[in-house]
Amino acid sequence: MEYTIETESDLAKLIGQYESIRLEFKRSALLTTPKDKIIENLTKEASAFANTEGGLIVIGIGERESRGKSIGAEIDEGVDPTVFPLINSNSL
């Protein structure tokens, strides 16, 4: 399944979806952790996707357990862009 995420409405469509080998949810709070923890966490996920069929890491959705699997539960609070500006690969 392919996902196009451009709006909050697109994010909302992921609520209720199960994580899979091609879909991973991360809370926005990840971006407020030290840079080395962000890199460690995202590198681990990206590596797992690289070793399979690729995938999508969605930052901004909290998850919960359902039937022993993680499921997208809610769009979280996000991060304040005045405190944490958008990043690009060159800033990590």
N, C-alpha and C. Protein backbone atom coordinates (compact mmCIF):
# COMPACT_ATOMS: atom_id res chain seq x y z
N MET A 1 0.84 -1.18 0.00
CA MET A 1 0.00 0.00 0.00
C MET A 1 0.88 1.24 0.00
N GLU A 2 0.60 2.17 -0.87
CA GLU A 2 1.35 3.43 -0.95
C GLU A 2 0.61 4.51 -0.17
N TYR A 3 1.38 5.38 0.46
CA TYR A 3 0.80 6.47 1.24
C TYR A 3 1.33 7.79 0.72
N THR A 4 0.44 8.76 0.55
CA THR A 4 0.83 10.12 0.24
C THR A 4 0.36 10.97 1.41
N ILE A 5 1.33 11.61 2.10
CA ILE A 5 0.98 12.39 3.27
C ILE A 5 1.40 13.83 3.03
N GLU A 6 0.40 14.68 2.82
CA GLU A 6 0.66 16.09 2.58
C GLU A 6 -0.11 16.98 3.55
N THR A 7 -1.17 16.46 4.14
CA THR A 7 -2.02 17.26 5.02
C THR A 7 -2.33 16.48 6.29
N GLU A 8 -2.90 17.18 7.27
CA GLU A 8 -3.32 16.52 8.50
C GLU A 8 -4.41 15.49 8.21
N SER A 9 -5.23 15.76 7.21
CA SER A 9 -6.27 14.81 6.81
C SER A 9 -5.64 13.50 6.32
N ASP A 10 -4.52 13.62 5.60
CA ASP A 10 -3.81 12.41 5.14
C ASP A 10 -3.29 11.62 6.34
N LEU A 11 -2.78 12.34 7.35
CA LEU A 11 -2.32 11.67 8.58
C LEU A 11 -3.48 10.95 9.26
N ALA A 12 -4.62 11.61 9.33
CA ALA A 12 -5.78 11.04 10.00
C ALA A 12 -6.21 9.72 9.38
N LYS A 13 -5.98 9.56 8.10
CA LYS A 13 -6.33 8.31 7.42
C LYS A 13 -5.51 7.13 7.91
N LEU A 14 -4.39 7.41 8.56
CA LEU A 14 -3.53 6.33 9.08
C LEU A 14 -3.97 5.85 10.46
N ILE A 15 -4.84 6.61 11.12
CA ILE A 15 -5.34 6.18 12.42
C ILE A 15 -6.11 4.89 12.22
N GLY A 16 -5.80 3.90 13.03
CA GLY A 16 -6.44 2.59 12.90
C GLY A 16 -5.66 1.61 12.05
N GLN A 17 -4.61 2.09 11.37
CA GLN A 17 -3.76 1.20 10.57
C GLN A 17 -2.74 0.52 11.47
N TYR A 18 -2.46 -0.73 11.18
CA TYR A 18 -1.44 -1.46 11.92
C TYR A 18 -0.06 -1.16 11.36
N GLU A 19 0.94 -1.10 12.25
CA GLU A 19 2.31 -1.04 11.77
C GLU A 19 2.60 -2.34 11.04
N SER A 20 3.53 -2.26 10.11
CA SER A 20 3.86 -3.45 9.32
C SER A 20 5.32 -3.37 8.92
N ILE A 21 5.74 -4.27 8.06
CA ILE A 21 7.12 -4.22 7.59
C ILE A 21 7.35 -3.01 6.69
N ARG A 22 6.27 -2.31 6.32
CA ARG A 22 6.39 -1.12 5.46
C ARG A 22 5.83 0.15 6.08
N LEU A 23 5.38 0.09 7.35
CA LEU A 23 4.79 1.26 7.99
C LEU A 23 5.17 1.29 9.46
N GLU A 24 5.74 2.40 9.90
CA GLU A 24 6.19 2.57 11.29
C GLU A 24 5.73 3.93 11.80
N PHE A 25 5.16 3.95 13.00
CA PHE A 25 4.73 5.19 13.63
C PHE A 25 5.70 5.61 14.72
N LYS A 26 5.97 6.91 14.80
CA LYS A 26 6.81 7.48 15.85
C LYS A 26 6.13 8.73 16.37
N ARG A 27 6.17 8.90 17.68
CA ARG A 27 5.66 10.14 18.27
C ARG A 27 6.58 11.30 17.92
N SER A 28 6.01 12.49 17.82
CA SER A 28 6.79 13.70 17.54
C SER A 28 7.83 13.96 18.62
N ALA A 29 7.58 13.51 19.83
CA ALA A 29 8.52 13.71 20.93
C ALA A 29 9.90 13.16 20.60
N LEU A 30 9.98 12.21 19.68
CA LEU A 30 11.28 11.69 19.26
C LEU A 30 12.18 12.84 18.82
N LEU A 31 11.62 13.84 18.17
CA LEU A 31 12.42 14.94 17.63
C LEU A 31 12.93 15.90 18.70
N THR A 32 12.46 15.73 19.93
CA THR A 32 12.93 16.58 21.02
C THR A 32 14.01 15.89 21.85
N THR A 33 14.38 14.68 21.47
CA THR A 33 15.45 13.97 22.17
C THR A 33 16.80 14.40 21.61
N PRO A 34 17.89 14.06 22.30
CA PRO A 34 19.21 14.43 21.78
C PRO A 34 19.42 13.90 20.35
N LYS A 35 20.18 14.65 19.58
CA LYS A 35 20.42 14.33 18.17
C LYS A 35 20.89 12.89 17.97
N ASP A 36 21.78 12.39 18.84
CA ASP A 36 22.28 11.03 18.67
C ASP A 36 21.17 9.99 18.86
N LYS A 37 20.19 10.27 19.71
CA LYS A 37 19.06 9.35 19.90
C LYS A 37 18.13 9.37 18.69
N ILE A 38 17.94 10.56 18.11
CA ILE A 38 17.13 10.65 16.89
C ILE A 38 17.77 9.82 15.79
N ILE A 39 19.06 10.03 15.59
CA ILE A 39 19.80 9.32 14.55
C ILE A 39 19.76 7.82 14.79
N GLU A 40 20.00 7.40 16.02
CA GLU A 40 20.00 5.97 16.36
C GLU A 40 18.64 5.35 16.06
N ASN A 41 17.58 6.00 16.50
CA ASN A 41 16.23 5.46 16.32
C ASN A 41 15.85 5.39 14.85
N LEU A 42 16.03 6.48 14.12
CA LEU A 42 15.62 6.50 12.71
C LEU A 42 16.53 5.64 11.84
N THR A 43 17.81 5.56 12.18
CA THR A 43 18.72 4.70 11.42
C THR A 43 18.31 3.24 11.55
N LYS A 44 17.93 2.84 12.74
CA LYS A 44 17.48 1.46 12.98
C LYS A 44 16.25 1.15 12.11
N GLU A 45 15.29 2.05 12.10
CA GLU A 45 14.08 1.82 11.31
C GLU A 45 14.37 1.83 9.81
N ALA A 46 15.16 2.81 9.37
CA ALA A 46 15.50 2.90 7.95
C ALA A 46 16.27 1.66 7.49
N SER A 47 17.14 1.16 8.34
CA SER A 47 17.91 -0.04 8.01
C SER A 47 16.98 -1.24 7.85
N ALA A 48 16.02 -1.36 8.74
CA ALA A 48 15.06 -2.47 8.64
C ALA A 48 14.27 -2.38 7.33
N PHE A 49 13.85 -1.18 6.96
CA PHE A 49 13.13 -1.00 5.70
C PHE A 49 14.04 -1.31 4.51
N ALA A 50 15.29 -0.92 4.59
CA ALA A 50 16.23 -1.15 3.49
C ALA A 50 16.47 -2.64 3.27
N ASN A 51 16.32 -3.42 4.32
CA ASN A 51 16.54 -4.86 4.21
C ASN A 51 15.28 -5.62 3.81
N THR A 52 14.19 -4.90 3.56
CA THR A 52 12.95 -5.55 3.11
C THR A 52 12.48 -4.86 1.84
N GLU A 53 11.26 -4.37 1.85
CA GLU A 53 10.66 -3.77 0.66
C GLU A 53 10.61 -2.25 0.71
N GLY A 54 11.32 -1.64 1.64
CA GLY A 54 11.19 -0.20 1.84
C GLY A 54 10.02 0.07 2.76
N GLY A 55 9.74 1.33 3.00
CA GLY A 55 8.63 1.63 3.88
C GLY A 55 8.54 3.10 4.22
N LEU A 56 7.67 3.39 5.16
CA LEU A 56 7.37 4.76 5.53
C LEU A 56 7.41 4.90 7.05
N ILE A 57 8.20 5.85 7.53
CA ILE A 57 8.22 6.19 8.95
C ILE A 57 7.39 7.46 9.08
N VAL A 58 6.32 7.39 9.87
CA VAL A 58 5.43 8.53 10.06
C VAL A 58 5.70 9.10 11.45
N ILE A 59 6.22 10.31 11.49
CA ILE A 59 6.46 10.98 12.76
C ILE A 59 5.28 11.90 13.03
N GLY A 60 4.64 11.69 14.18
CA GLY A 60 3.50 12.51 14.54
C GLY A 60 2.25 11.71 14.86
N ILE A 61 2.39 10.39 14.90
CA ILE A 61 1.25 9.54 15.26
C ILE A 61 1.66 8.67 16.44
N GLY A 62 0.84 8.76 17.50
CA GLY A 62 1.03 7.88 18.65
C GLY A 62 0.42 6.52 18.35
N GLU A 63 0.88 5.52 19.05
CA GLU A 63 0.38 4.18 18.78
C GLU A 63 -0.10 3.52 20.06
N ARG A 64 -0.86 2.44 19.90
CA ARG A 64 -1.29 1.63 21.03
C ARG A 64 -1.24 0.18 20.58
N GLU A 65 -1.32 -0.71 21.54
CA GLU A 65 -1.32 -2.14 21.22
C GLU A 65 -2.75 -2.62 20.96
N SER A 66 -2.91 -3.44 19.96
CA SER A 66 -4.19 -4.06 19.65
C SER A 66 -3.90 -5.44 19.07
N ARG A 67 -4.39 -6.44 19.74
CA ARG A 67 -4.18 -7.83 19.29
C ARG A 67 -2.70 -8.15 19.15
N GLY A 68 -1.90 -7.60 20.05
CA GLY A 68 -0.47 -7.89 20.05
C GLY A 68 0.33 -7.13 19.01
N LYS A 69 -0.29 -6.19 18.32
CA LYS A 69 0.39 -5.39 17.30
C LYS A 69 0.19 -3.91 17.60
N SER A 70 1.10 -3.08 17.09
CA SER A 70 0.96 -1.63 17.25
C SER A 70 0.04 -1.09 16.17
N ILE A 71 -0.82 -0.19 16.60
CA ILE A 71 -1.79 0.41 15.69
C ILE A 71 -1.74 1.93 15.88
N GLY A 72 -1.86 2.67 14.79
CA GLY A 72 -1.90 4.13 14.88
C GLY A 72 -3.12 4.56 15.68
N ALA A 73 -2.90 5.31 16.77
CA ALA A 73 -3.99 5.64 17.67
C ALA A 73 -4.44 7.09 17.59
N GLU A 74 -3.49 8.01 17.38
CA GLU A 74 -3.85 9.42 17.40
C GLU A 74 -2.75 10.27 16.78
N ILE A 75 -3.16 11.38 16.23
CA ILE A 75 -2.17 12.38 15.82
C ILE A 75 -1.72 13.06 17.09
N ASP A 76 -0.44 13.07 17.35
CA ASP A 76 0.04 13.62 18.62
C ASP A 76 0.17 15.14 18.56
N GLU A 77 0.74 15.70 19.60
CA GLU A 77 0.81 17.15 19.76
C GLU A 77 1.80 17.82 18.81
N GLY A 78 2.64 17.07 18.15
CA GLY A 78 3.62 17.64 17.24
C GLY A 78 4.74 18.35 17.99
N VAL A 79 5.50 19.13 17.28
CA VAL A 79 6.57 19.92 17.89
C VAL A 79 6.38 21.37 17.50
N ASP A 80 6.81 22.26 18.36
CA ASP A 80 6.69 23.69 18.11
C ASP A 80 7.78 24.09 17.12
N PRO A 81 7.41 24.52 15.91
CA PRO A 81 8.42 24.86 14.90
C PRO A 81 9.29 26.05 15.27
N THR A 82 8.84 26.87 16.23
CA THR A 82 9.69 27.97 16.66
C THR A 82 10.79 27.51 17.60
N VAL A 83 10.56 26.36 18.24
CA VAL A 83 11.56 25.77 19.14
C VAL A 83 12.39 24.74 18.39
N PHE A 84 11.73 23.99 17.53
CA PHE A 84 12.40 22.93 16.78
C PHE A 84 12.07 23.12 15.30
N PRO A 85 12.91 23.86 14.58
CA PRO A 85 12.62 24.12 13.16
C PRO A 85 12.70 22.85 12.34
N LEU A 86 12.06 22.88 11.19
CA LEU A 86 12.13 21.73 10.29
C LEU A 86 13.58 21.39 10.00
N ILE A 87 13.84 20.10 9.91
CA ILE A 87 15.21 19.66 9.66
C ILE A 87 15.31 19.06 8.27
N ASN A 88 16.51 18.97 7.79
CA ASN A 88 16.76 18.25 6.56
C ASN A 88 17.96 17.35 6.81
N SER A 89 18.26 16.52 5.87
CA SER A 89 19.34 15.54 6.06
C SER A 89 20.67 16.21 6.31
N ASN A 90 20.85 17.44 5.86
CA ASN A 90 22.13 18.13 6.07
C ASN A 90 22.30 18.63 7.49
N SER A 91 21.20 18.75 8.25
CA SER A 91 21.31 19.28 9.61
C SER A 91 21.54 18.18 10.63
N LEU A 92 21.40 16.91 10.24
CA LEU A 92 21.64 15.81 11.16
C LEU A 92 23.05 15.41 11.04
